Amino acid sequence: GTPGVGKSTLGKELASRTGLTYINVGDLAKEGELYEGFDEEYECPILDEDRVIDELEDKMREGGVIVDYHGCDFFPEQWFHIVFVLRTDNSFLYDRLESRGYKGKKLQDNIQCEIFQTLYEEAMLSYREEIVHQLPSNTPEDLERNLDQIMQWIEQWMKDNN
């Protein structure tokens, strides 16, 4: 999902409820300096996707990992059994991004990314359609509903695959 939709909040809470491993790719990249430059226009580092894949490979092979990142088209398809794309109404998203210090082109481009469902379409093109799901992420009630829904999916997957 777009920055500010609640991926980290959902992922961390899901990990604490399930015991699965939570990995925030942005934090992983920062810790390992997995960058290939700096984007002056967006004032952020440019991710070295190949190094991120190398860094995650062993963990992903073991399984039981929640991966949190806004994009997904560079991850190997076989890594994931299900993909959730969080969606947030722009009125909520604008305030969240502005409170993070986003402004100008960076703010506008992220809002447009959400309006045009860019990351949902990327997920649909990158993975089998039946494993990609959109979830609303506007309110604390949405968060609880999403957690419940994902927990049910995990329980069913465990029954079906163990």
C-alpha atoms as a PDB file:
ATOM      1  CA  GLY A   1       0.000   0.000   0.000  1.00  0.00           C
ATOM      2  CA  THR A   2       0.826   3.669  -0.299  1.00  0.00           C
ATOM      3  CA  PRO A   3       2.853   5.191   2.557  1.00  0.00           C
ATOM      4  CA  GLY A   4       0.509   6.116   5.418  1.00  0.00           C
ATOM      5  CA  VAL A   5      -2.180   3.476   4.853  1.00  0.00           C
ATOM      6  CA  GLY A   6      -1.343   1.538   8.030  1.00  0.00           C
ATOM      7  CA  LYS A   7       0.880  -1.301   6.801  1.00  0.00           C
ATOM      8  CA  SER A   8       3.320  -1.138   9.716  1.00  0.00           C
ATOM      9  CA  THR A   9       0.597  -0.849  12.349  1.00  0.00           C
ATOM     10  CA  LEU A  10      -1.219  -3.863  10.879  1.00  0.00           C
ATOM     11  CA  GLY A  11       1.948  -5.908  10.332  1.00  0.00           C
ATOM     12  CA  LYS A  12       3.345  -5.369  13.833  1.00  0.00           C
ATOM     13  CA  GLU A  13       0.026  -6.160  15.502  1.00  0.00           C
ATOM     14  CA  LEU A  14      -0.432  -9.241  13.326  1.00  0.00           C
ATOM     15  CA  ALA A  15       3.052 -10.468  14.261  1.00  0.00           C
ATOM     16  CA  SER A  16       2.361  -9.984  17.965  1.00  0.00           C
ATOM     17  CA  ARG A  17      -0.932 -11.928  17.716  1.00  0.00           C
ATOM     18  CA  THR A  18       0.432 -14.782  15.577  1.00  0.00           C
ATOM     19  CA  GLY A  19       4.088 -15.153  16.481  1.00  0.00           C
ATOM     20  CA  LEU A  20       5.006 -14.711  12.804  1.00  0.00           C
ATOM     21  CA  THR A  21       8.143 -12.717  11.955  1.00  0.00           C
ATOM     22  CA  TYR A  22       7.502  -9.097  10.935  1.00  0.00           C
ATOM     23  CA  ILE A  23       9.934  -7.477   8.488  1.00  0.00           C
ATOM     24  CA  ASN A  24       9.661  -3.835   7.490  1.00  0.00           C
ATOM     25  CA  VAL A  25      11.666  -3.632   4.259  1.00  0.00           C
ATOM     26  CA  GLY A  26      12.334   0.089   4.738  1.00  0.00           C
ATOM     27  CA  ASP A  27      13.898  -0.581   8.163  1.00  0.00           C
ATOM     28  CA  LEU A  28      15.836  -3.566   6.799  1.00  0.00           C
ATOM     29  CA  ALA A  29      17.240  -1.393   4.009  1.00  0.00           C
ATOM     30  CA  LYS A  30      18.166   1.373   6.460  1.00  0.00           C
ATOM     31  CA  GLU A  31      19.942  -1.032   8.847  1.00  0.00           C
ATOM     32  CA  GLY A  32      21.862  -2.784   6.049  1.00  0.00           C
ATOM     33  CA  GLU A  33      22.294   0.338   3.903  1.00  0.00           C
ATOM     34  CA  LEU A  34      20.695  -1.524   0.998  1.00  0.00           C
ATOM     35  CA  TYR A  35      20.576   1.518  -1.279  1.00  0.00           C
ATOM     36  CA  GLU A  36      21.852   2.390  -4.729  1.00  0.00           C
ATOM     37  CA  GLY A  37      21.660   6.148  -4.475  1.00  0.00           C
ATOM     38  CA  PHE A  38      19.478   9.045  -3.346  1.00  0.00           C
ATOM     39  CA  ASP A  39      16.418  10.535  -5.071  1.00  0.00           C
ATOM     40  CA  GLU A  40      16.787  14.306  -4.741  1.00  0.00           C
ATOM     41  CA  GLU A  41      13.269  15.006  -5.996  1.00  0.00           C
ATOM     42  CA  TYR A  42      11.570  12.829  -3.357  1.00  0.00           C
ATOM     43  CA  GLU A  43      14.302  13.348  -0.757  1.00  0.00           C
ATOM     44  CA  CYS A  44      14.693   9.636  -0.058  1.00  0.00           C
ATOM     45  CA  PRO A  45      17.166   6.810  -0.674  1.00  0.00           C
ATOM     46  CA  ILE A  46      16.722   4.517  -3.695  1.00  0.00           C
ATOM     47  CA  LEU A  47      16.278   0.888  -2.688  1.00  0.00           C
ATOM     48  CA  ASP A  48      18.717  -1.691  -4.085  1.00  0.00           C
ATOM     49  CA  GLU A  49      16.084  -4.347  -4.803  1.00  0.00           C
ATOM     50  CA  ASP A  50      18.595  -7.130  -5.599  1.00  0.00           C
ATOM     51  CA  ARG A  51      20.364  -6.658  -2.263  1.00  0.00           C
ATOM     52  CA  VAL A  52      17.001  -6.639  -0.442  1.00  0.00           C
ATOM     53  CA  ILE A  53      16.088  -9.959  -2.097  1.00  0.00           C
ATOM     54  CA  ASP A  54      19.473 -11.429  -1.127  1.00  0.00           C
ATOM     55  CA  GLU A  55      19.021 -10.223   2.445  1.00  0.00           C
ATOM     56  CA  LEU A  56      15.517 -11.723   2.767  1.00  0.00           C
ATOM     57  CA  GLU A  57      16.060 -15.000   0.909  1.00  0.00           C
ATOM     58  CA  ASP A  58      16.875 -17.276   3.878  1.00  0.00           C
ATOM     59  CA  LYS A  59      14.119 -15.863   6.091  1.00  0.00           C
ATOM     60  CA  MET A  60      11.558 -16.241   3.326  1.00  0.00           C
ATOM     61  CA  ARG A  61      12.611 -19.836   2.660  1.00  0.00           C
ATOM     62  CA  GLU A  62      11.917 -20.655   6.342  1.00  0.00           C
ATOM     63  CA  GLY A  63       8.410 -19.169   6.032  1.00  0.00           C
ATOM     64  CA  GLY A  64       6.160 -17.518   8.576  1.00  0.00           C
ATOM     65  CA  VAL A  65       7.111 -13.977   7.535  1.00  0.00           C
ATOM     66  CA  ILE A  66       4.997 -10.834   7.238  1.00  0.00           C
ATOM     67  CA  VAL A  67       6.675  -8.502   4.729  1.00  0.00           C
ATOM     68  CA  ASP A  68       5.787  -4.798   4.931  1.00  0.00           C
ATOM     69  CA  TYR A  69       6.634  -2.614   1.942  1.00  0.00           C
ATOM     70  CA  HIS A  70       4.735  -0.271  -0.367  1.00  0.00           C
ATOM     71  CA  GLY A  71       5.777  -1.949  -3.608  1.00  0.00           C
ATOM     72  CA  CYS A  72       5.843  -5.621  -4.446  1.00  0.00           C
ATOM     73  CA  ASP A  73       6.776  -6.138  -8.087  1.00  0.00           C
ATOM     74  CA  PHE A  74      10.399  -7.123  -7.364  1.00  0.00           C
ATOM     75  CA  PHE A  75       9.683  -9.866  -4.807  1.00  0.00           C
ATOM     76  CA  PRO A  76       9.684 -13.462  -6.118  1.00  0.00           C
ATOM     77  CA  GLU A  77       6.118 -14.679  -6.606  1.00  0.00           C
ATOM     78  CA  GLN A  78       6.754 -17.967  -4.779  1.00  0.00           C
ATOM     79  CA  TRP A  79       7.538 -16.083  -1.549  1.00  0.00           C
ATOM     80  CA  PHE A  80       3.889 -15.277  -0.818  1.00  0.00           C
ATOM     81  CA  HIS A  81       0.748 -17.283  -0.161  1.00  0.00           C
ATOM     82  CA  ILE A  82      -1.379 -14.143   0.126  1.00  0.00           C
ATOM     83  CA  VAL A  83      -0.942 -10.424  -0.552  1.00  0.00           C
ATOM     84  CA  PHE A  84      -2.953  -7.697   1.168  1.00  0.00           C
ATOM     85  CA  VAL A  85      -3.073  -4.181  -0.277  1.00  0.00           C
ATOM     86  CA  LEU A  86      -4.328  -1.620   2.231  1.00  0.00           C
ATOM     87  CA  ARG A  87      -6.430   1.247   0.865  1.00  0.00           C
ATOM     88  CA  THR A  88      -7.183   4.550   2.575  1.00  0.00           C
ATOM     89  CA  ASP A  89      -9.569   7.333   1.608  1.00  0.00           C
ATOM     90  CA  ASN A  90      -7.630  10.402   0.521  1.00  0.00           C
ATOM     91  CA  SER A  91      -9.073  12.648   3.235  1.00  0.00           C
ATOM     92  CA  PHE A  92      -7.446  10.387   5.875  1.00  0.00           C
ATOM     93  CA  LEU A  93      -4.308   9.717   3.837  1.00  0.00           C
ATOM     94  CA  TYR A  94      -3.594  13.393   3.140  1.00  0.00           C
ATOM     95  CA  ASP A  95      -3.600  14.214   6.869  1.00  0.00           C
ATOM     96  CA  ARG A  96      -1.440  11.189   7.723  1.00  0.00           C
ATOM     97  CA  LEU A  97       1.189  12.025   5.103  1.00  0.00           C
ATOM     98  CA  GLU A  98       1.180  15.724   5.940  1.00  0.00           C
ATOM     99  CA  SER A  99       1.753  14.874   9.620  1.00  0.00           C
ATOM    100  CA  ARG A 100       4.810  12.831   8.510  1.00  0.00           C
ATOM    101  CA  GLY A 101       6.232  15.903   6.818  1.00  0.00           C
ATOM    102  CA  TYR A 102       5.337  14.975   3.240  1.00  0.00           C
ATOM    103  CA  LYS A 103       4.808  18.058   1.073  1.00  0.00           C
ATOM    104  CA  GLY A 104       4.799  19.243  -2.505  1.00  0.00           C
ATOM    105  CA  LYS A 105       5.386  16.666  -5.226  1.00  0.00           C
ATOM    106  CA  LYS A 106       6.011  13.815  -2.767  1.00  0.00           C
ATOM    107  CA  LEU A 107       2.645  14.415  -1.063  1.00  0.00           C
ATOM    108  CA  GLN A 108       0.744  14.858  -4.335  1.00  0.00           C
ATOM    109  CA  ASP A 109       2.309  11.812  -6.022  1.00  0.00           C
ATOM    110  CA  ASN A 110       1.497   9.541  -3.073  1.00  0.00           C
ATOM    111  CA  ILE A 111      -2.114  10.775  -3.026  1.00  0.00           C
ATOM    112  CA  GLN A 112      -2.375  10.176  -6.787  1.00  0.00           C
ATOM    113  CA  CYS A 113      -0.831   6.732  -6.348  1.00  0.00           C
ATOM    114  CA  GLU A 114      -3.716   5.899  -3.988  1.00  0.00           C
ATOM    115  CA  ILE A 115      -6.391   7.492  -6.221  1.00  0.00           C
ATOM    116  CA  PHE A 116      -5.264   5.493  -9.261  1.00  0.00           C
ATOM    117  CA  GLN A 117      -4.831   2.235  -7.277  1.00  0.00           C
ATOM    118  CA  THR A 118      -1.268   2.019  -8.586  1.00  0.00           C
ATOM    119  CA  LEU A 119      -0.009  -0.415  -5.946  1.00  0.00           C
ATOM    120  CA  TYR A 120      -3.100  -2.630  -6.139  1.00  0.00           C
ATOM    121  CA  GLU A 121      -2.631  -2.905  -9.911  1.00  0.00           C
ATOM    122  CA  GLU A 122       1.075  -3.658  -9.395  1.00  0.00           C
ATOM    123  CA  ALA A 123       0.141  -6.484  -7.000  1.00  0.00           C
ATOM    124  CA  MET A 124      -2.454  -7.853  -9.443  1.00  0.00           C
ATOM    125  CA  LEU A 125       0.172  -7.930 -12.203  1.00  0.00           C
ATOM    126  CA  SER A 126       2.874  -9.435  -9.947  1.00  0.00           C
ATOM    127  CA  TYR A 127       0.926 -12.282  -8.304  1.00  0.00           C
ATOM    128  CA  ARG A 128      -1.901 -14.678  -9.048  1.00  0.00           C
ATOM    129  CA  GLU A 129      -5.108 -12.651  -8.905  1.00  0.00           C
ATOM    130  CA  GLU A 130      -6.733 -14.979  -6.376  1.00  0.00           C
ATOM    131  CA  ILE A 131      -4.085 -14.288  -3.707  1.00  0.00           C
ATOM    132  CA  VAL A 132      -4.316 -10.463  -3.902  1.00  0.00           C
ATOM    133  CA  HIS A 133      -6.864  -8.785  -1.610  1.00  0.00           C
ATOM    134  CA  GLN A 134      -7.685  -5.130  -0.929  1.00  0.00           C
ATOM    135  CA  LEU A 135      -8.546  -4.096   2.625  1.00  0.00           C
ATOM    136  CA  PRO A 136      -9.934  -0.718   3.747  1.00  0.00           C
ATOM    137  CA  SER A 137      -7.672   1.024   6.266  1.00  0.00           C
ATOM    138  CA  ASN A 138      -9.320   4.240   7.422  1.00  0.00           C
ATOM    139  CA  THR A 139     -10.314   3.734  11.051  1.00  0.00           C
ATOM    140  CA  PRO A 140      -9.343   1.725  14.143  1.00  0.00           C
ATOM    141  CA  GLU A 141     -12.435  -0.407  13.418  1.00  0.00           C
ATOM    142  CA  ASP A 142     -11.038  -1.213   9.965  1.00  0.00           C
ATOM    143  CA  LEU A 143      -7.764  -2.252  11.601  1.00  0.00           C
ATOM    144  CA  GLU A 144      -9.565  -4.658  13.955  1.00  0.00           C
ATOM    145  CA  ARG A 145     -11.669  -6.091  11.125  1.00  0.00           C
ATOM    146  CA  ASN A 146      -8.559  -6.583   8.990  1.00  0.00           C
ATOM    147  CA  LEU A 147      -6.707  -8.276  11.838  1.00  0.00           C
ATOM    148  CA  ASP A 148      -9.643 -10.627  12.452  1.00  0.00           C
ATOM    149  CA  GLN A 149      -9.962 -11.435   8.752  1.00  0.00           C
ATOM    150  CA  ILE A 150      -6.235 -12.138   8.327  1.00  0.00           C
ATOM    151  CA  MET A 151      -6.130 -14.216  11.531  1.00  0.00           C
ATOM    152  CA  GLN A 152      -8.974 -16.375  10.168  1.00  0.00           C
ATOM    153  CA  TRP A 153      -7.114 -16.778   6.884  1.00  0.00           C
ATOM    154  CA  ILE A 154      -3.908 -17.809   8.719  1.00  0.00           C
ATOM    155  CA  GLU A 155      -5.791 -20.365  10.859  1.00  0.00           C
ATOM    156  CA  GLN A 156      -7.412 -21.861   7.753  1.00  0.00           C
ATOM    157  CA  TRP A 157      -4.091 -21.938   5.884  1.00  0.00           C
ATOM    158  CA  MET A 158      -2.456 -23.743   8.841  1.00  0.00           C
ATOM    159  CA  LYS A 159      -5.242 -26.360   8.856  1.00  0.00           C
ATOM    160  CA  ASP A 160      -5.002 -26.867   5.097  1.00  0.00           C
ATOM    161  CA  ASN A 161      -1.181 -27.065   4.967  1.00  0.00           C
ATOM    162  CA  ASN A 162      -0.094 -28.896   8.121  1.00  0.00           C
END
